Amino acid sequence: MVAAVKSQASLRRKRAENIAQKLEKKDVINAFAEAEKLASGQAIGRPHFAQVLIQQGLVKTQNQAFDRYLGIGKSCYCQSDWPDIADVNAIIKEAGGFSVLAHPTRYKMTASKLRRLVTYFAQQGGDALEFVGGSGSKDSQQFLRNLCEEHQLMASPASDFHSEKQVWQKLGRVGEIPKAITPVWEVFKEPFCSL
């Protein structure tokens, strides 16, 4: 598991370096070094580069940074290199964890593609789907419920809160799990409430 974490960290760093190279061609000064400072020892991500763009006066907001430079299909975007779901699930199982497919209704894919993704996730040992607070219509929540039932998956609530600047989700607002679906924490050996 440690090797997998190190490998993913290395891939994330390489992506950050590639983004920085593209930004420097757009006259962003010391993009990598500035983003690295902002990350404070954590993995460098696009939000750090967005902050660099704001600091250097090239954009006014994080949304502008993504719309002009960092969003999918924009000039400084670099695709993430992710391991296969089967590999990730195996690593999580090896560590004694439960794998949860994060915010499935937020992926930009058709219902049939999402259904295939969830089917593959379940076939590869996936355990649960995340129900994000305030996310999606009743129809999308029912779609997730149906997928959980179809594949005998549990559910996990989440706020999907990242920062106060990202307005799609307020801090503390969590997704509601349908009563018919088993919450993932019910299978923990030592529930959090006993801590």
C-alpha atoms as a PDB file:
ATOM      1  CA  MET A   1       0.000   0.000   0.000  1.00  0.00           C
ATOM      2  CA  VAL A   2       2.821   2.419   0.842  1.00  0.00           C
ATOM      3  CA  ALA A   3       4.311   1.880  -2.616  1.00  0.00           C
ATOM      4  CA  ALA A   4       0.947   2.687  -4.236  1.00  0.00           C
ATOM      5  CA  VAL A   5       0.602   5.905  -2.251  1.00  0.00           C
ATOM      6  CA  LYS A   6       4.151   6.958  -3.191  1.00  0.00           C
ATOM      7  CA  SER A   7       3.494   6.133  -6.838  1.00  0.00           C
ATOM      8  CA  GLN A   8       0.313   8.211  -6.892  1.00  0.00           C
ATOM      9  CA  ALA A   9       2.077  11.102  -5.146  1.00  0.00           C
ATOM     10  CA  SER A  10       4.797  10.955  -7.794  1.00  0.00           C
ATOM     11  CA  LEU A  11       2.208  11.024 -10.588  1.00  0.00           C
ATOM     12  CA  ARG A  12       0.445  14.001  -8.993  1.00  0.00           C
ATOM     13  CA  ARG A  13       3.736  15.873  -8.692  1.00  0.00           C
ATOM     14  CA  LYS A  14       4.568  15.173 -12.341  1.00  0.00           C
ATOM     15  CA  ARG A  15       1.139  16.498 -13.341  1.00  0.00           C
ATOM     16  CA  ALA A  16       1.752  19.649 -11.288  1.00  0.00           C
ATOM     17  CA  GLU A  17       5.124  20.119 -12.996  1.00  0.00           C
ATOM     18  CA  ASN A  18       3.447  19.775 -16.405  1.00  0.00           C
ATOM     19  CA  ILE A  19       0.766  22.319 -15.483  1.00  0.00           C
ATOM     20  CA  ALA A  20       3.475  24.696 -14.258  1.00  0.00           C
ATOM     21  CA  GLN A  21       5.390  24.376 -17.541  1.00  0.00           C
ATOM     22  CA  LYS A  22       2.256  25.251 -19.507  1.00  0.00           C
ATOM     23  CA  LEU A  23       1.495  28.203 -17.222  1.00  0.00           C
ATOM     24  CA  GLU A  24       5.029  29.560 -17.551  1.00  0.00           C
ATOM     25  CA  LYS A  25       4.534  29.624 -21.331  1.00  0.00           C
ATOM     26  CA  LYS A  26       1.602  31.943 -20.542  1.00  0.00           C
ATOM     27  CA  ASP A  27       3.904  34.293 -18.601  1.00  0.00           C
ATOM     28  CA  VAL A  28       3.112  32.966 -15.125  1.00  0.00           C
ATOM     29  CA  ILE A  29       6.282  33.529 -13.088  1.00  0.00           C
ATOM     30  CA  ASN A  30       7.675  30.610 -11.029  1.00  0.00           C
ATOM     31  CA  ALA A  31       4.359  28.752 -11.265  1.00  0.00           C
ATOM     32  CA  PHE A  32       5.548  25.526  -9.665  1.00  0.00           C
ATOM     33  CA  ALA A  33       7.496  27.134  -6.818  1.00  0.00           C
ATOM     34  CA  GLU A  34       4.618  29.479  -5.988  1.00  0.00           C
ATOM     35  CA  ALA A  35       2.039  26.668  -6.051  1.00  0.00           C
ATOM     36  CA  GLU A  36       4.323  24.508  -3.923  1.00  0.00           C
ATOM     37  CA  LYS A  37       4.477  27.265  -1.283  1.00  0.00           C
ATOM     38  CA  LEU A  38       0.705  27.512  -1.249  1.00  0.00           C
ATOM     39  CA  ALA A  39       0.355  23.735  -0.890  1.00  0.00           C
ATOM     40  CA  SER A  40       2.398  23.817   2.351  1.00  0.00           C
ATOM     41  CA  GLY A  41       3.743  20.295   1.976  1.00  0.00           C
ATOM     42  CA  GLN A  42       0.528  18.805   0.614  1.00  0.00           C
ATOM     43  CA  ALA A  43      -0.062  17.581  -2.935  1.00  0.00           C
ATOM     44  CA  ILE A  44      -0.083  20.451  -5.410  1.00  0.00           C
ATOM     45  CA  GLY A  45      -3.378  20.757  -7.245  1.00  0.00           C
ATOM     46  CA  ARG A  46      -5.092  23.037  -9.697  1.00  0.00           C
ATOM     47  CA  PRO A  47      -6.592  25.194  -6.913  1.00  0.00           C
ATOM     48  CA  HIS A  48      -3.029  26.128  -5.894  1.00  0.00           C
ATOM     49  CA  PHE A  49      -2.228  27.183  -9.448  1.00  0.00           C
ATOM     50  CA  ALA A  50      -5.496  29.127  -9.572  1.00  0.00           C
ATOM     51  CA  GLN A  51      -4.355  31.041  -6.495  1.00  0.00           C
ATOM     52  CA  VAL A  52      -1.016  31.777  -8.197  1.00  0.00           C
ATOM     53  CA  LEU A  53      -2.896  33.185 -11.187  1.00  0.00           C
ATOM     54  CA  ILE A  54      -4.920  35.402  -8.848  1.00  0.00           C
ATOM     55  CA  GLN A  55      -1.802  36.575  -6.993  1.00  0.00           C
ATOM     56  CA  GLN A  56      -0.087  37.455 -10.251  1.00  0.00           C
ATOM     57  CA  GLY A  57      -3.119  39.431 -11.423  1.00  0.00           C
ATOM     58  CA  LEU A  58      -3.915  37.257 -14.429  1.00  0.00           C
ATOM     59  CA  VAL A  59      -7.408  36.441 -13.137  1.00  0.00           C
ATOM     60  CA  LYS A  60      -9.624  37.770 -10.373  1.00  0.00           C
ATOM     61  CA  THR A  61     -11.245  34.552  -9.147  1.00  0.00           C
ATOM     62  CA  GLN A  62     -10.632  30.847  -8.967  1.00  0.00           C
ATOM     63  CA  ASN A  63     -13.502  30.292 -11.392  1.00  0.00           C
ATOM     64  CA  GLN A  64     -11.800  32.567 -13.930  1.00  0.00           C
ATOM     65  CA  ALA A  65      -8.565  30.610 -13.494  1.00  0.00           C
ATOM     66  CA  PHE A  66     -10.351  27.379 -14.360  1.00  0.00           C
ATOM     67  CA  ASP A  67     -12.410  28.943 -17.155  1.00  0.00           C
ATOM     68  CA  ARG A  68      -9.355  30.500 -18.833  1.00  0.00           C
ATOM     69  CA  TYR A  69      -6.431  28.201 -17.986  1.00  0.00           C
ATOM     70  CA  LEU A  70      -6.966  25.161 -15.777  1.00  0.00           C
ATOM     71  CA  GLY A  71     -10.329  23.630 -16.659  1.00  0.00           C
ATOM     72  CA  ILE A  72     -10.722  20.548 -18.820  1.00  0.00           C
ATOM     73  CA  GLY A  73      -9.854  21.418 -22.401  1.00  0.00           C
ATOM     74  CA  LYS A  74      -8.136  24.703 -21.482  1.00  0.00           C
ATOM     75  CA  SER A  75      -4.558  25.502 -22.509  1.00  0.00           C
ATOM     76  CA  CYS A  76      -2.901  24.614 -19.195  1.00  0.00           C
ATOM     77  CA  TYR A  77      -4.999  21.578 -18.279  1.00  0.00           C
ATOM     78  CA  CYS A  78      -3.194  18.268 -17.798  1.00  0.00           C
ATOM     79  CA  GLN A  79      -5.154  15.078 -17.363  1.00  0.00           C
ATOM     80  CA  SER A  80      -4.717  13.112 -14.151  1.00  0.00           C
ATOM     81  CA  ASP A  81      -3.128   9.698 -14.408  1.00  0.00           C
ATOM     82  CA  TRP A  82      -5.210   7.464 -12.147  1.00  0.00           C
ATOM     83  CA  PRO A  83      -4.746   3.763 -11.392  1.00  0.00           C
ATOM     84  CA  ASP A  84      -7.459   1.310 -12.413  1.00  0.00           C
ATOM     85  CA  ILE A  85     -10.428   0.869 -10.072  1.00  0.00           C
ATOM     86  CA  ALA A  86      -9.498  -2.804  -9.569  1.00  0.00           C
ATOM     87  CA  ASP A  87      -6.033  -1.831  -8.341  1.00  0.00           C
ATOM     88  CA  VAL A  88      -7.374   0.873  -6.030  1.00  0.00           C
ATOM     89  CA  ASN A  89     -10.002  -1.442  -4.560  1.00  0.00           C
ATOM     90  CA  ALA A  90      -7.340  -4.093  -3.918  1.00  0.00           C
ATOM     91  CA  ILE A  91      -5.125  -1.558  -2.124  1.00  0.00           C
ATOM     92  CA  ILE A  92      -8.027  -0.357   0.012  1.00  0.00           C
ATOM     93  CA  LYS A  93      -8.960  -3.949   0.926  1.00  0.00           C
ATOM     94  CA  GLU A  94      -5.333  -4.742   1.782  1.00  0.00           C
ATOM     95  CA  ALA A  95      -5.371  -1.798   4.185  1.00  0.00           C
ATOM     96  CA  GLY A  96      -8.581  -3.061   5.806  1.00  0.00           C
ATOM     97  CA  GLY A  97     -10.763  -0.336   4.323  1.00  0.00           C
ATOM     98  CA  PHE A  98     -13.959  -0.056   2.333  1.00  0.00           C
ATOM     99  CA  SER A  99     -13.941   1.507  -1.113  1.00  0.00           C
ATOM    100  CA  VAL A 100     -16.478   4.221  -1.851  1.00  0.00           C
ATOM    101  CA  LEU A 101     -17.058   5.663  -5.311  1.00  0.00           C
ATOM    102  CA  ALA A 102     -16.940   9.405  -4.692  1.00  0.00           C
ATOM    103  CA  HIS A 103     -19.764  11.715  -5.847  1.00  0.00           C
ATOM    104  CA  PRO A 104     -20.894   9.579  -8.811  1.00  0.00           C
ATOM    105  CA  THR A 105     -23.568  12.055  -9.899  1.00  0.00           C
ATOM    106  CA  ARG A 106     -20.948  14.752 -10.424  1.00  0.00           C
ATOM    107  CA  TYR A 107     -19.117  12.923 -13.213  1.00  0.00           C
ATOM    108  CA  LYS A 108     -19.827  14.344 -16.638  1.00  0.00           C
ATOM    109  CA  MET A 109     -21.144  11.146 -18.162  1.00  0.00           C
ATOM    110  CA  THR A 110     -24.413   9.784 -19.416  1.00  0.00           C
ATOM    111  CA  ALA A 111     -26.593   7.586 -17.215  1.00  0.00           C
ATOM    112  CA  SER A 112     -25.618   4.509 -19.219  1.00  0.00           C
ATOM    113  CA  LYS A 113     -21.886   5.255 -18.837  1.00  0.00           C
ATOM    114  CA  LEU A 114     -22.329   5.874 -15.119  1.00  0.00           C
ATOM    115  CA  ARG A 115     -24.225   2.587 -14.843  1.00  0.00           C
ATOM    116  CA  ARG A 116     -21.284   0.810 -16.551  1.00  0.00           C
ATOM    117  CA  LEU A 117     -18.814   2.540 -14.226  1.00  0.00           C
ATOM    118  CA  VAL A 118     -20.737   1.484 -11.117  1.00  0.00           C
ATOM    119  CA  THR A 119     -21.098  -2.065 -12.474  1.00  0.00           C
ATOM    120  CA  TYR A 120     -17.331  -2.279 -13.023  1.00  0.00           C
ATOM    121  CA  PHE A 121     -16.667  -0.739  -9.599  1.00  0.00           C
ATOM    122  CA  ALA A 122     -18.901  -3.350  -7.944  1.00  0.00           C
ATOM    123  CA  GLN A 123     -17.418  -6.233  -9.965  1.00  0.00           C
ATOM    124  CA  GLN A 124     -13.935  -5.153  -8.867  1.00  0.00           C
ATOM    125  CA  GLY A 125     -14.809  -5.277  -5.172  1.00  0.00           C
ATOM    126  CA  GLY A 126     -16.262  -1.815  -4.612  1.00  0.00           C
ATOM    127  CA  ASP A 127     -18.281  -1.409  -1.430  1.00  0.00           C
ATOM    128  CA  ALA A 128     -20.332   1.800  -1.481  1.00  0.00           C
ATOM    129  CA  LEU A 129     -21.512   4.870  -3.365  1.00  0.00           C
ATOM    130  CA  GLU A 130     -21.287   8.374  -1.959  1.00  0.00           C
ATOM    131  CA  PHE A 131     -24.465  10.415  -1.587  1.00  0.00           C
ATOM    132  CA  VAL A 132     -23.407  14.065  -1.622  1.00  0.00           C
ATOM    133  CA  GLY A 133     -25.406  16.655   0.315  1.00  0.00           C
ATOM    134  CA  GLY A 134     -27.408  19.053  -1.788  1.00  0.00           C
ATOM    135  CA  SER A 135     -26.233  17.335  -4.953  1.00  0.00           C
ATOM    136  CA  GLY A 136     -28.561  16.386  -7.702  1.00  0.00           C
ATOM    137  CA  SER A 137     -32.261  16.027  -8.149  1.00  0.00           C
ATOM    138  CA  LYS A 138     -34.530  13.463  -6.539  1.00  0.00           C
ATOM    139  CA  ASP A 139     -34.241  11.533  -9.797  1.00  0.00           C
ATOM    140  CA  SER A 140     -30.441  11.351  -9.557  1.00  0.00           C
ATOM    141  CA  GLN A 141     -30.664  10.301  -5.907  1.00  0.00           C
ATOM    142  CA  GLN A 142     -33.172   7.582  -6.874  1.00  0.00           C
ATOM    143  CA  PHE A 143     -30.812   6.499  -9.665  1.00  0.00           C
ATOM    144  CA  LEU A 144     -28.012   6.054  -7.098  1.00  0.00           C
ATOM    145  CA  ARG A 145     -30.343   4.172  -4.787  1.00  0.00           C
ATOM    146  CA  ASN A 146     -31.266   1.821  -7.628  1.00  0.00           C
ATOM    147  CA  LEU A 147     -27.596   1.249  -8.438  1.00  0.00           C
ATOM    148  CA  CYS A 148     -26.841   0.464  -4.783  1.00  0.00           C
ATOM    149  CA  GLU A 149     -29.685  -2.038  -4.661  1.00  0.00           C
ATOM    150  CA  GLU A 150     -28.796  -3.595  -8.009  1.00  0.00           C
ATOM    151  CA  HIS A 151     -25.153  -4.162  -7.033  1.00  0.00           C
ATOM    152  CA  GLN A 152     -25.625  -4.714  -3.284  1.00  0.00           C
ATOM    153  CA  LEU A 153     -23.570  -1.623  -2.524  1.00  0.00           C
ATOM    154  CA  MET A 154     -23.645   0.309   0.720  1.00  0.00           C
ATOM    155  CA  ALA A 155     -23.803   4.097   0.889  1.00  0.00           C
ATOM    156  CA  SER A 156     -21.718   6.836   2.435  1.00  0.00           C
ATOM    157  CA  PRO A 157     -22.807  10.407   3.092  1.00  0.00           C
ATOM    158  CA  ALA A 158     -20.462  13.282   2.366  1.00  0.00           C
ATOM    159  CA  SER A 159     -20.513  17.013   2.229  1.00  0.00           C
ATOM    160  CA  ASP A 160     -18.077  17.279  -0.701  1.00  0.00           C
ATOM    161  CA  PHE A 161     -16.945  20.500   0.977  1.00  0.00           C
ATOM    162  CA  HIS A 162     -13.538  21.653  -0.273  1.00  0.00           C
ATOM    163  CA  SER A 163     -13.326  25.288   0.754  1.00  0.00           C
ATOM    164  CA  GLU A 164     -15.500  28.287   1.509  1.00  0.00           C
ATOM    165  CA  LYS A 165     -14.555  29.733  -1.895  1.00  0.00           C
ATOM    166  CA  GLN A 166     -16.194  26.819  -3.688  1.00  0.00           C
ATOM    167  CA  VAL A 167     -19.857  27.557  -3.284  1.00  0.00           C
ATOM    168  CA  TRP A 168     -21.457  24.330  -4.500  1.00  0.00           C
ATOM    169  CA  GLN A 169     -21.531  22.892  -0.990  1.00  0.00           C
ATOM    170  CA  LYS A 170     -21.785  24.440   2.453  1.00  0.00           C
ATOM    171  CA  LEU A 171     -19.693  23.114   5.335  1.00  0.00           C
ATOM    172  CA  GLY A 172     -21.541  20.508   7.386  1.00  0.00           C
ATOM    173  CA  ARG A 173     -24.266  19.804   4.861  1.00  0.00           C
ATOM    174  CA  VAL A 174     -24.140  16.069   4.187  1.00  0.00           C
ATOM    175  CA  GLY A 175     -25.941  13.778   1.837  1.00  0.00           C
ATOM    176  CA  GLU A 176     -28.901  11.813   3.013  1.00  0.00           C
ATOM    177  CA  ILE A 177     -28.681   8.049   2.654  1.00  0.00           C
ATOM    178  CA  PRO A 178     -31.891   6.316   1.631  1.00  0.00           C
ATOM    179  CA  LYS A 179     -33.288   4.189   4.453  1.00  0.00           C
ATOM    180  CA  ALA A 180     -33.261   1.048   2.294  1.00  0.00           C
ATOM    181  CA  ILE A 181     -29.466   1.252   1.774  1.00  0.00           C
ATOM    182  CA  THR A 182     -26.965   0.095   4.401  1.00  0.00           C
ATOM    183  CA  PRO A 183     -24.657   2.892   5.582  1.00  0.00           C
ATOM    184  CA  VAL A 184     -21.019   1.890   5.190  1.00  0.00           C
ATOM    185  CA  TRP A 185     -20.221   2.592   8.854  1.00  0.00           C
ATOM    186  CA  GLU A 186     -22.518  -0.242   9.942  1.00  0.00           C
ATOM    187  CA  VAL A 187     -19.824  -2.719   8.868  1.00  0.00           C
ATOM    188  CA  PHE A 188     -16.930  -1.007  10.644  1.00  0.00           C
ATOM    189  CA  LYS A 189     -15.401  -3.192  13.347  1.00  0.00           C
ATOM    190  CA  GLU A 190     -15.159  -0.212  15.700  1.00  0.00           C
ATOM    191  CA  PRO A 191     -17.780   2.441  14.944  1.00  0.00           C
ATOM    192  CA  PHE A 192     -16.680   6.069  15.211  1.00  0.00           C
ATOM    193  CA  CYS A 193     -19.339   6.715  17.841  1.00  0.00           C
ATOM    194  CA  SER A 194     -17.439   4.492  20.303  1.00  0.00           C
ATOM    195  CA  LEU A 195     -14.338   6.737  20.174  1.00  0.00           C
END
